[in-house]
Amino acid sequence: MKLVLAISGASGAPYAQRMLEFLSGPGREQGIETHVVFSKTGRLVWQHEVGTDPADYDLPIWGALDMTAPFASGSARFTGMAVVPCSAGSLSRIAHGSSMDLVGRAADVMLKERRRLVLCLREAPYSMVHLRNMQAVTEAGALVMPASPNFYSGPQTVSDLLDTVVGRVLDQLGVDNDLVRRWQGMKP
């Protein structure tokens, strides 16, 4: 499995950090090849919210405008991509095929190749423009998944809350994980 993790400029870099932790550890052990790309503002938000060097995860990190990345072409046969977090601006550009940077180009490749594309939207409230963009990108084949943690799993820490979202993003990409306790139903 080959995945792209794109990190856009929306608040929510700790979600991306948790994705990198998983994909560079258990994900690598599962044989998942992961490539990372930050949007220009994604890198700024990462520095503000996380403050660590993403190169510490020992995954290839591509520049925002570097169209030489393998996932910039469908012939590289990447399995899927997640944009975590996904800003409303990134959503709009992806929904309308505006490939101004590597994040947009990679998302466009996923859509045209009918690969998995998960957009972990970090925006609220939604305007009608956001809703129309969500509809357009969903009709094009992407999955819009707002960064909405669950509480039925009994999260006790911020890390637990992050895992409820990251675990579901990984589920949508077809990646086995045990980041969150699964719903087992309730006793009648």
N, C-alpha and C. Protein backbone atom coordinates (compact mmCIF):
# COMPACT_ATOMS: atom_id res chain seq x y z
N MET A 1 0.85 -1.18 0.00
CA MET A 1 0.00 0.00 0.00
C MET A 1 0.89 1.24 0.00
N LYS A 2 0.53 2.21 -0.84
CA LYS A 2 1.26 3.48 -0.90
C LYS A 2 0.26 4.60 -0.66
N LEU A 3 0.57 5.45 0.33
CA LEU A 3 -0.34 6.53 0.73
C LEU A 3 0.34 7.89 0.67
N VAL A 4 -0.49 8.90 0.47
CA VAL A 4 -0.06 10.30 0.57
C VAL A 4 -0.79 10.90 1.75
N LEU A 5 -0.05 11.58 2.61
CA LEU A 5 -0.64 12.38 3.67
C LEU A 5 -0.36 13.83 3.34
N ALA A 6 -1.42 14.58 3.05
CA ALA A 6 -1.29 16.01 2.78
C ALA A 6 -1.76 16.76 4.02
N ILE A 7 -1.03 17.81 4.35
CA ILE A 7 -1.33 18.60 5.54
C ILE A 7 -1.57 20.02 5.08
N SER A 8 -2.84 20.47 5.17
CA SER A 8 -3.17 21.81 4.70
C SER A 8 -3.14 22.80 5.86
N GLY A 9 -3.50 24.03 5.57
CA GLY A 9 -3.35 25.11 6.53
C GLY A 9 -4.47 25.31 7.52
N ALA A 10 -5.37 24.37 7.64
CA ALA A 10 -6.42 24.50 8.66
C ALA A 10 -5.85 24.19 10.03
N SER A 11 -6.44 24.75 11.05
CA SER A 11 -6.08 24.35 12.40
C SER A 11 -6.40 22.87 12.56
N GLY A 12 -5.55 22.15 13.27
CA GLY A 12 -5.76 20.71 13.43
C GLY A 12 -4.50 19.92 13.14
N ALA A 13 -3.34 20.58 13.16
CA ALA A 13 -2.07 19.89 12.91
C ALA A 13 -1.84 18.71 13.86
N PRO A 14 -2.35 18.73 15.10
CA PRO A 14 -2.17 17.55 15.95
C PRO A 14 -2.80 16.28 15.35
N TYR A 15 -3.86 16.40 14.56
CA TYR A 15 -4.40 15.23 13.86
C TYR A 15 -3.35 14.68 12.89
N ALA A 16 -2.71 15.58 12.14
CA ALA A 16 -1.69 15.17 11.18
C ALA A 16 -0.49 14.56 11.92
N GLN A 17 -0.13 15.14 13.04
CA GLN A 17 0.98 14.60 13.82
C GLN A 17 0.68 13.16 14.24
N ARG A 18 -0.54 12.90 14.68
CA ARG A 18 -0.90 11.55 15.10
C ARG A 18 -0.89 10.60 13.91
N MET A 19 -1.33 11.08 12.73
CA MET A 19 -1.26 10.26 11.51
C MET A 19 0.19 9.91 11.21
N LEU A 20 1.09 10.89 11.31
CA LEU A 20 2.51 10.63 11.04
C LEU A 20 3.08 9.64 12.03
N GLU A 21 2.71 9.77 13.30
CA GLU A 21 3.18 8.81 14.30
C GLU A 21 2.77 7.39 13.94
N PHE A 22 1.50 7.24 13.55
CA PHE A 22 1.02 5.91 13.21
C PHE A 22 1.68 5.39 11.93
N LEU A 23 1.69 6.21 10.88
CA LEU A 23 2.19 5.74 9.59
C LEU A 23 3.70 5.48 9.58
N SER A 24 4.45 6.18 10.43
CA SER A 24 5.89 5.95 10.50
C SER A 24 6.24 4.82 11.46
N GLY A 25 5.28 4.36 12.26
CA GLY A 25 5.51 3.26 13.19
C GLY A 25 4.75 2.02 12.76
N PRO A 26 3.55 1.79 13.34
CA PRO A 26 2.77 0.61 12.96
C PRO A 26 2.45 0.53 11.47
N GLY A 27 2.24 1.68 10.84
CA GLY A 27 1.97 1.67 9.40
C GLY A 27 3.14 1.14 8.60
N ARG A 28 4.33 1.60 8.94
CA ARG A 28 5.54 1.11 8.27
C ARG A 28 5.70 -0.39 8.50
N GLU A 29 5.41 -0.85 9.73
CA GLU A 29 5.49 -2.28 10.04
C GLU A 29 4.51 -3.09 9.21
N GLN A 30 3.39 -2.48 8.81
CA GLN A 30 2.42 -3.14 7.94
C GLN A 30 2.84 -3.09 6.47
N GLY A 31 3.94 -2.44 6.18
CA GLY A 31 4.41 -2.34 4.80
C GLY A 31 3.83 -1.17 4.03
N ILE A 32 3.29 -0.19 4.72
CA ILE A 32 2.71 0.98 4.06
C ILE A 32 3.82 1.98 3.75
N GLU A 33 3.91 2.35 2.48
CA GLU A 33 4.84 3.40 2.05
C GLU A 33 4.08 4.72 2.10
N THR A 34 4.58 5.66 2.88
CA THR A 34 3.88 6.92 3.07
C THR A 34 4.73 8.08 2.61
N HIS A 35 4.13 8.98 1.84
CA HIS A 35 4.76 10.23 1.42
C HIS A 35 3.95 11.38 1.99
N VAL A 36 4.63 12.48 2.33
CA VAL A 36 4.00 13.61 3.01
C VAL A 36 4.20 14.87 2.18
N VAL A 37 3.16 15.69 2.14
CA VAL A 37 3.27 17.01 1.52
C VAL A 37 2.49 18.01 2.38
N PHE A 38 3.12 19.12 2.65
CA PHE A 38 2.49 20.23 3.35
C PHE A 38 2.11 21.30 2.34
N SER A 39 0.95 21.91 2.51
CA SER A 39 0.69 23.14 1.76
C SER A 39 1.57 24.22 2.40
N LYS A 40 1.68 25.34 1.74
CA LYS A 40 2.50 26.42 2.27
C LYS A 40 2.02 26.82 3.67
N THR A 41 0.74 27.02 3.83
CA THR A 41 0.22 27.42 5.14
C THR A 41 0.14 26.23 6.09
N GLY A 42 0.09 25.02 5.56
CA GLY A 42 0.11 23.83 6.41
C GLY A 42 1.38 23.76 7.24
N ARG A 43 2.49 24.10 6.63
CA ARG A 43 3.77 24.09 7.34
C ARG A 43 3.77 25.16 8.45
N LEU A 44 3.18 26.31 8.18
CA LEU A 44 3.12 27.37 9.19
C LEU A 44 2.24 26.96 10.38
N VAL A 45 1.09 26.37 10.08
CA VAL A 45 0.20 25.94 11.16
C VAL A 45 0.86 24.83 11.97
N TRP A 46 1.55 23.90 11.29
CA TRP A 46 2.27 22.83 12.00
C TRP A 46 3.25 23.44 13.01
N GLN A 47 4.03 24.42 12.56
CA GLN A 47 5.00 25.04 13.47
C GLN A 47 4.32 25.68 14.66
N HIS A 48 3.19 26.32 14.43
CA HIS A 48 2.47 26.99 15.51
C HIS A 48 1.80 26.01 16.47
N GLU A 49 1.16 24.96 15.94
CA GLU A 49 0.38 24.05 16.78
C GLU A 49 1.16 22.85 17.31
N VAL A 50 2.18 22.41 16.58
CA VAL A 50 2.94 21.22 16.98
C VAL A 50 4.35 21.61 17.39
N GLY A 51 5.05 22.35 16.53
CA GLY A 51 6.36 22.87 16.85
C GLY A 51 7.54 21.92 16.69
N THR A 52 7.30 20.69 16.26
CA THR A 52 8.40 19.76 16.06
C THR A 52 8.80 19.73 14.59
N ASP A 53 9.87 19.04 14.30
CA ASP A 53 10.32 18.89 12.92
C ASP A 53 9.66 17.64 12.33
N PRO A 54 8.80 17.79 11.33
CA PRO A 54 8.15 16.61 10.75
C PRO A 54 9.12 15.63 10.11
N ALA A 55 10.33 16.07 9.82
CA ALA A 55 11.35 15.17 9.26
C ALA A 55 11.75 14.10 10.27
N ASP A 56 11.45 14.32 11.55
CA ASP A 56 11.77 13.33 12.59
C ASP A 56 11.05 12.00 12.37
N TYR A 57 9.99 12.00 11.57
CA TYR A 57 9.22 10.78 11.32
C TYR A 57 9.84 9.91 10.24
N ASP A 58 10.91 10.39 9.62
CA ASP A 58 11.65 9.62 8.62
C ASP A 58 10.77 9.12 7.48
N LEU A 59 9.91 10.02 7.00
CA LEU A 59 9.09 9.75 5.82
C LEU A 59 9.44 10.81 4.78
N PRO A 60 9.37 10.48 3.50
CA PRO A 60 9.68 11.49 2.48
C PRO A 60 8.67 12.65 2.54
N ILE A 61 9.20 13.86 2.61
CA ILE A 61 8.38 15.07 2.65
C ILE A 61 8.67 15.87 1.39
N TRP A 62 7.61 16.14 0.64
CA TRP A 62 7.73 16.85 -0.64
C TRP A 62 7.32 18.30 -0.48
N GLY A 63 7.96 19.17 -1.23
CA GLY A 63 7.63 20.59 -1.19
C GLY A 63 6.27 20.87 -1.79
N ALA A 64 5.67 21.94 -1.35
CA ALA A 64 4.31 22.30 -1.77
C ALA A 64 4.17 22.48 -3.27
N LEU A 65 5.24 22.84 -3.95
CA LEU A 65 5.17 23.07 -5.39
C LEU A 65 5.99 22.07 -6.19
N ASP A 66 6.45 21.00 -5.56
CA ASP A 66 7.33 20.03 -6.20
C ASP A 66 6.53 18.98 -6.98
N MET A 67 6.31 19.26 -8.24
CA MET A 67 5.52 18.36 -9.07
C MET A 67 6.33 17.15 -9.55
N THR A 68 7.55 16.98 -9.05
CA THR A 68 8.33 15.79 -9.38
C THR A 68 8.02 14.63 -8.43
N ALA A 69 7.18 14.85 -7.44
CA ALA A 69 6.81 13.78 -6.50
C ALA A 69 6.16 12.64 -7.28
N PRO A 70 6.41 11.40 -6.88
CA PRO A 70 5.83 10.28 -7.63
C PRO A 70 4.31 10.31 -7.67
N PHE A 71 3.67 10.76 -6.60
CA PHE A 71 2.21 10.76 -6.53
C PHE A 71 1.57 11.89 -7.32
N ALA A 72 2.38 12.68 -8.04
CA ALA A 72 1.84 13.70 -8.94
C ALA A 72 1.38 13.09 -10.25
N SER A 73 1.59 11.78 -10.40
CA SER A 73 1.16 11.07 -11.61
C SER A 73 0.40 9.81 -11.22
N GLY A 74 -0.63 9.51 -11.96
CA GLY A 74 -1.40 8.30 -11.73
C GLY A 74 -0.62 7.03 -12.01
N SER A 75 0.42 7.12 -12.83
CA SER A 75 1.18 5.92 -13.17
C SER A 75 1.96 5.38 -11.97
N ALA A 76 2.13 6.18 -10.91
CA ALA A 76 2.84 5.73 -9.71
C ALA A 76 1.98 4.78 -8.87
N ARG A 77 0.71 4.72 -9.16
CA ARG A 77 -0.22 3.76 -8.55
C ARG A 77 -0.27 3.83 -7.02
N PHE A 78 -0.43 5.04 -6.50
CA PHE A 78 -0.63 5.18 -5.06
C PHE A 78 -2.03 4.69 -4.73
N THR A 79 -2.18 4.11 -3.56
CA THR A 79 -3.45 3.50 -3.14
C THR A 79 -4.46 4.55 -2.72
N GLY A 80 -3.99 5.59 -2.03
CA GLY A 80 -4.92 6.59 -1.52
C GLY A 80 -4.21 7.77 -0.92
N MET A 81 -5.04 8.71 -0.49
CA MET A 81 -4.53 9.97 0.05
C MET A 81 -5.50 10.49 1.09
N ALA A 82 -4.94 11.09 2.14
CA ALA A 82 -5.75 11.79 3.12
C ALA A 82 -5.22 13.21 3.25
N VAL A 83 -6.13 14.17 3.33
CA VAL A 83 -5.77 15.55 3.62
C VAL A 83 -6.22 15.80 5.05
N VAL A 84 -5.23 15.89 5.95
CA VAL A 84 -5.50 15.97 7.39
C VAL A 84 -4.60 17.04 7.99
N PRO A 85 -5.13 18.13 8.46
CA PRO A 85 -6.50 18.59 8.30
C PRO A 85 -6.71 19.16 6.90
N CYS A 86 -7.96 19.27 6.51
CA CYS A 86 -8.30 19.84 5.21
C CYS A 86 -8.99 21.19 5.44
N SER A 87 -8.39 22.23 4.93
CA SER A 87 -8.99 23.56 5.04
C SER A 87 -10.14 23.70 4.05
N ALA A 88 -10.99 24.69 4.29
CA ALA A 88 -12.09 24.96 3.35
C ALA A 88 -11.54 25.39 1.99
N GLY A 89 -10.41 26.10 1.99
CA GLY A 89 -9.79 26.49 0.73
C GLY A 89 -9.28 25.29 -0.05
N SER A 90 -8.64 24.34 0.65
CA SER A 90 -8.18 23.12 -0.03
C SER A 90 -9.36 22.33 -0.56
N LEU A 91 -10.41 22.21 0.24
CA LEU A 91 -11.63 21.54 -0.21
C LEU A 91 -12.13 22.16 -1.51
N SER A 92 -12.20 23.47 -1.55
CA SER A 92 -12.71 24.17 -2.73
C SER A 92 -11.83 23.90 -3.96
N ARG A 93 -10.52 24.03 -3.77
CA ARG A 93 -9.62 23.81 -4.92
C ARG A 93 -9.71 22.37 -5.41
N ILE A 94 -9.80 21.40 -4.50
CA ILE A 94 -9.90 20.00 -4.89
C ILE A 94 -11.24 19.75 -5.59
N ALA A 95 -12.32 20.30 -5.04
CA ALA A 95 -13.65 20.10 -5.61
C ALA A 95 -13.75 20.63 -7.04
N HIS A 96 -12.95 21.64 -7.36
CA HIS A 96 -13.04 22.27 -8.67
C HIS A 96 -11.83 22.01 -9.55
N GLY A 97 -10.97 21.06 -9.14
CA GLY A 97 -9.85 20.64 -9.97
C GLY A 97 -8.80 21.69 -10.17
N SER A 98 -8.65 22.60 -9.23
CA SER A 98 -7.66 23.66 -9.34
C SER A 98 -6.36 23.21 -8.67
N SER A 99 -5.48 22.63 -9.46
CA SER A 99 -4.23 22.04 -8.96
C SER A 99 -3.12 23.08 -8.88
N MET A 100 -3.25 24.02 -7.96
CA MET A 100 -2.27 25.10 -7.84
C MET A 100 -1.00 24.67 -7.13
N ASP A 101 -1.05 23.57 -6.40
CA ASP A 101 0.12 23.08 -5.68
C ASP A 101 0.08 21.56 -5.68
N LEU A 102 1.06 20.94 -5.00
CA LEU A 102 1.15 19.48 -5.01
C LEU A 102 -0.02 18.83 -4.27
N VAL A 103 -0.56 19.48 -3.25
CA VAL A 103 -1.73 18.93 -2.56
C VAL A 103 -2.89 18.80 -3.55
N GLY A 104 -3.17 19.87 -4.28
CA GLY A 104 -4.25 19.84 -5.26
C GLY A 104 -4.00 18.87 -6.39
N ARG A 105 -2.77 18.83 -6.88
CA ARG A 105 -2.43 17.90 -7.97
C ARG A 105 -2.58 16.45 -7.53
N ALA A 106 -2.08 16.14 -6.33
CA ALA A 106 -2.18 14.77 -5.83
C ALA A 106 -3.64 14.37 -5.64
N ALA A 107 -4.45 15.28 -5.11
CA ALA A 107 -5.88 14.98 -4.94
C ALA A 107 -6.55 14.78 -6.30
N ASP A 108 -6.18 15.60 -7.27
CA ASP A 108 -6.72 15.46 -8.62
C ASP A 108 -6.35 14.09 -9.21
N VAL A 109 -5.13 13.65 -8.96
CA VAL A 109 -4.69 12.32 -9.43
C VAL A 109 -5.54 11.24 -8.78
N MET A 110 -5.77 11.34 -7.47
CA MET A 110 -6.58 10.33 -6.77
C MET A 110 -7.98 10.25 -7.37
N LEU A 111 -8.57 11.40 -7.64
CA LEU A 111 -9.92 11.41 -8.20
C LEU A 111 -9.94 10.84 -9.61
N LYS A 112 -9.00 11.25 -10.45
CA LYS A 112 -9.03 10.77 -11.84
C LYS A 112 -8.71 9.29 -11.95
N GLU A 113 -7.92 8.78 -11.00
CA GLU A 113 -7.55 7.36 -11.01
C GLU A 113 -8.53 6.51 -10.19
N ARG A 114 -9.55 7.15 -9.64
CA ARG A 114 -10.57 6.45 -8.81
C ARG A 114 -9.93 5.78 -7.60
N ARG A 115 -9.00 6.49 -6.98
CA ARG A 115 -8.34 6.03 -5.76
C ARG A 115 -9.03 6.66 -4.54
N ARG A 116 -8.72 6.14 -3.37
CA ARG A 116 -9.32 6.67 -2.15
C ARG A 116 -8.76 8.06 -1.84
N LEU A 117 -9.65 8.98 -1.57
CA LEU A 117 -9.28 10.34 -1.18
C LEU A 117 -10.17 10.74 -0.01
N VAL A 118 -9.55 10.94 1.15
CA VAL A 118 -10.28 11.31 2.36
C VAL A 118 -9.89 12.73 2.73
N LEU A 119 -10.88 13.58 2.84
CA LEU A 119 -10.66 14.98 3.22
C LEU A 119 -11.19 15.17 4.64
N CYS A 120 -10.28 15.33 5.58
CA CYS A 120 -10.65 15.49 6.99
C CYS A 120 -10.84 16.98 7.26
N LEU A 121 -12.04 17.43 6.96
CA LEU A 121 -12.37 18.85 7.01
C LEU A 121 -12.33 19.38 8.43
N ARG A 122 -11.62 20.48 8.61
CA ARG A 122 -11.50 21.13 9.91
C ARG A 122 -12.03 22.55 9.75
N GLU A 123 -13.33 22.65 9.74
CA GLU A 123 -13.96 23.95 9.53
C GLU A 123 -15.33 23.91 10.18
N ALA A 124 -15.75 24.99 10.77
CA ALA A 124 -17.10 25.08 11.33
C ALA A 124 -17.38 26.54 11.65
N PRO A 125 -18.60 26.99 11.46
CA PRO A 125 -19.71 26.29 10.84
C PRO A 125 -19.52 26.24 9.32
N TYR A 126 -20.40 25.50 8.66
CA TYR A 126 -20.34 25.36 7.20
C TYR A 126 -21.22 26.41 6.54
N SER A 127 -20.66 27.08 5.54
CA SER A 127 -21.48 27.96 4.72
C SER A 127 -22.07 27.14 3.58
N MET A 128 -22.98 27.72 2.85
CA MET A 128 -23.54 27.04 1.68
C MET A 128 -22.44 26.74 0.66
N VAL A 129 -21.45 27.62 0.57
CA VAL A 129 -20.32 27.38 -0.34
C VAL A 129 -19.58 26.11 0.08
N HIS A 130 -19.33 25.95 1.39
CA HIS A 130 -18.65 24.74 1.89
C HIS A 130 -19.48 23.50 1.57
N LEU A 131 -20.77 23.59 1.83
CA LEU A 131 -21.65 22.43 1.58
C LEU A 131 -21.68 22.06 0.11
N ARG A 132 -21.71 23.04 -0.76
CA ARG A 132 -21.70 22.75 -2.21
C ARG A 132 -20.37 22.14 -2.63
N ASN A 133 -19.28 22.63 -2.05
CA ASN A 133 -17.98 22.05 -2.36
C ASN A 133 -17.88 20.62 -1.85
N MET A 134 -18.45 20.35 -0.67
CA MET A 134 -18.47 18.98 -0.14
C MET A 134 -19.27 18.08 -1.07
N GLN A 135 -20.40 18.58 -1.56
CA GLN A 135 -21.20 17.79 -2.48
C GLN A 135 -20.43 17.52 -3.77
N ALA A 136 -19.79 18.55 -4.31
CA ALA A 136 -19.07 18.40 -5.58
C ALA A 136 -17.93 17.39 -5.45
N VAL A 137 -17.15 17.49 -4.38
CA VAL A 137 -16.01 16.59 -4.24
C VAL A 137 -16.47 15.17 -3.92
N THR A 138 -17.59 15.03 -3.23
CA THR A 138 -18.15 13.70 -2.96
C THR A 138 -18.65 13.07 -4.26
N GLU A 139 -19.31 13.86 -5.09
CA GLU A 139 -19.77 13.35 -6.38
C GLU A 139 -18.60 12.96 -7.27
N ALA A 140 -17.45 13.61 -7.07
CA ALA A 140 -16.25 13.28 -7.85
C ALA A 140 -15.55 12.02 -7.34
N GLY A 141 -15.94 11.56 -6.16
CA GLY A 141 -15.38 10.31 -5.65
C GLY A 141 -14.64 10.39 -4.33
N ALA A 142 -14.50 11.57 -3.77
CA ALA A 142 -13.80 11.71 -2.48
C ALA A 142 -14.76 11.43 -1.33
N LEU A 143 -14.19 11.27 -0.16
CA LEU A 143 -14.97 11.12 1.06
C LEU A 143 -14.63 12.29 1.96
N VAL A 144 -15.65 13.06 2.34
CA VAL A 144 -15.45 14.18 3.25
C VAL A 144 -15.76 13.68 4.66
N MET A 145 -14.78 13.82 5.53
CA MET A 145 -14.92 13.35 6.89
C MET A 145 -14.52 14.47 7.85
N PRO A 146 -15.49 15.18 8.39
CA PRO A 146 -15.13 16.24 9.33
C PRO A 146 -14.37 15.67 10.53
N ALA A 147 -13.47 16.48 11.06
CA ALA A 147 -12.68 16.08 12.23
C ALA A 147 -13.56 16.16 13.47
N SER A 148 -14.43 15.16 13.60
CA SER A 148 -15.39 15.11 14.71
C SER A 148 -15.08 13.91 15.59
N PRO A 149 -14.45 14.14 16.75
CA PRO A 149 -14.14 13.00 17.62
C PRO A 149 -15.40 12.36 18.18
N ASN A 150 -15.28 11.08 18.54
CA ASN A 150 -16.42 10.42 19.19
C ASN A 150 -16.17 10.33 20.68
N PHE A 151 -17.22 10.08 21.42
CA PHE A 151 -17.11 9.99 22.88
C PHE A 151 -17.57 8.65 23.41
N TYR A 152 -18.19 7.81 22.57
CA TYR A 152 -18.64 6.50 23.04
C TYR A 152 -17.49 5.58 23.40
N SER A 153 -16.29 5.88 22.87
CA SER A 153 -15.13 5.04 23.18
C SER A 153 -14.49 5.41 24.52
N GLY A 154 -15.02 6.44 25.18
CA GLY A 154 -14.52 6.82 26.49
C GLY A 154 -13.15 7.48 26.49
N PRO A 155 -12.89 8.43 25.58
CA PRO A 155 -11.58 9.07 25.56
C PRO A 155 -11.31 9.80 26.88
N GLN A 156 -10.07 9.68 27.35
CA GLN A 156 -9.68 10.30 28.62
C GLN A 156 -8.70 11.46 28.44
N THR A 157 -8.04 11.50 27.27
CA THR A 157 -7.02 12.53 27.03
C THR A 157 -7.25 13.15 25.65
N VAL A 158 -6.54 14.23 25.40
CA VAL A 158 -6.59 14.84 24.07
C VAL A 158 -6.09 13.83 23.03
N SER A 159 -5.05 13.08 23.37
CA SER A 159 -4.53 12.05 22.45
C SER A 159 -5.61 11.03 22.11
N ASP A 160 -6.39 10.63 23.10
CA ASP A 160 -7.49 9.69 22.85
C ASP A 160 -8.50 10.29 21.87
N LEU A 161 -8.81 11.58 22.04
CA LEU A 161 -9.74 12.25 21.12
C LEU A 161 -9.18 12.29 19.70
N LEU A 162 -7.89 12.61 19.58
CA LEU A 162 -7.25 12.62 18.26
C LEU A 162 -7.37 11.24 17.62
N ASP A 163 -7.14 10.20 18.41
CA ASP A 163 -7.18 8.83 17.88
C ASP A 163 -8.56 8.45 17.36
N THR A 164 -9.63 9.00 17.93
CA THR A 164 -10.96 8.65 17.43
C THR A 164 -11.16 9.13 16.00
N VAL A 165 -10.53 10.24 15.65
CA VAL A 165 -10.62 10.76 14.28
C VAL A 165 -9.60 10.07 13.38
N VAL A 166 -8.36 10.00 13.83
CA VAL A 166 -7.30 9.41 13.02
C VAL A 166 -7.59 7.94 12.72
N GLY A 167 -8.11 7.21 13.71
CA GLY A 167 -8.46 5.81 13.48
C GLY A 167 -9.50 5.65 12.38
N ARG A 168 -10.48 6.57 12.35
CA ARG A 168 -11.51 6.50 11.31
C ARG A 168 -10.96 6.89 9.93
N VAL A 169 -10.05 7.86 9.88
CA VAL A 169 -9.42 8.22 8.60
C VAL A 169 -8.65 7.00 8.08
N LEU A 170 -7.88 6.36 8.96
CA LEU A 170 -7.15 5.17 8.55
C LEU A 170 -8.09 4.06 8.09
N ASP A 171 -9.22 3.90 8.78
CA ASP A 171 -10.22 2.93 8.35
C ASP A 171 -10.65 3.19 6.91
N GLN A 172 -10.93 4.45 6.60
CA GLN A 172 -11.40 4.81 5.26
C GLN A 172 -10.34 4.56 4.20
N LEU A 173 -9.07 4.59 4.60
CA LEU A 173 -7.98 4.30 3.66
C LEU A 173 -7.68 2.80 3.57
N GLY A 174 -8.37 2.01 4.39
CA GLY A 174 -8.15 0.56 4.38
C GLY A 174 -6.95 0.12 5.20
N VAL A 175 -6.57 0.93 6.19
CA VAL A 175 -5.40 0.63 7.02
C VAL A 175 -5.87 0.05 8.36
N ASP A 176 -5.41 -1.15 8.67
CA ASP A 176 -5.73 -1.76 9.95
C ASP A 176 -5.13 -0.95 11.09
N ASN A 177 -5.93 -0.72 12.12
CA ASN A 177 -5.44 0.01 13.29
C ASN A 177 -6.32 -0.31 14.48
N ASP A 178 -5.76 -0.09 15.65
CA ASP A 178 -6.53 -0.27 16.88
C ASP A 178 -6.42 0.98 17.74
N LEU A 179 -6.49 2.13 17.08
CA LEU A 179 -6.32 3.39 17.79
C LEU A 179 -7.50 3.72 18.71
N VAL A 180 -8.65 3.15 18.42
CA VAL A 180 -9.82 3.49 19.22
C VAL A 180 -10.64 2.23 19.48
N ARG A 181 -11.27 2.21 20.62
CA ARG A 181 -12.16 1.09 20.94
C ARG A 181 -13.36 1.15 19.99
N ARG A 182 -13.66 0.02 19.35
CA ARG A 182 -14.75 -0.07 18.37
C ARG A 182 -16.09 -0.19 19.07
N TRP A 183 -17.10 0.34 18.44
CA TRP A 183 -18.46 0.24 18.98
C TRP A 183 -18.90 -1.22 19.00
N GLN A 184 -19.34 -1.68 20.12
CA GLN A 184 -19.80 -3.06 20.28
C GLN A 184 -21.29 -3.14 20.53
N GLY A 185 -21.96 -2.02 20.50
CA GLY A 185 -23.38 -1.99 20.81
C GLY A 185 -23.57 -1.87 22.31
N MET A 186 -24.83 -1.77 22.71
CA MET A 186 -25.15 -1.64 24.13
C MET A 186 -26.02 -2.82 24.54
N LYS A 187 -25.89 -3.21 25.78
CA LYS A 187 -26.73 -4.30 26.27
C LYS A 187 -28.16 -3.81 26.35
N PRO A 188 -29.10 -4.68 25.89
CA PRO A 188 -30.51 -4.27 25.93
C PRO A 188 -31.04 -4.18 27.35
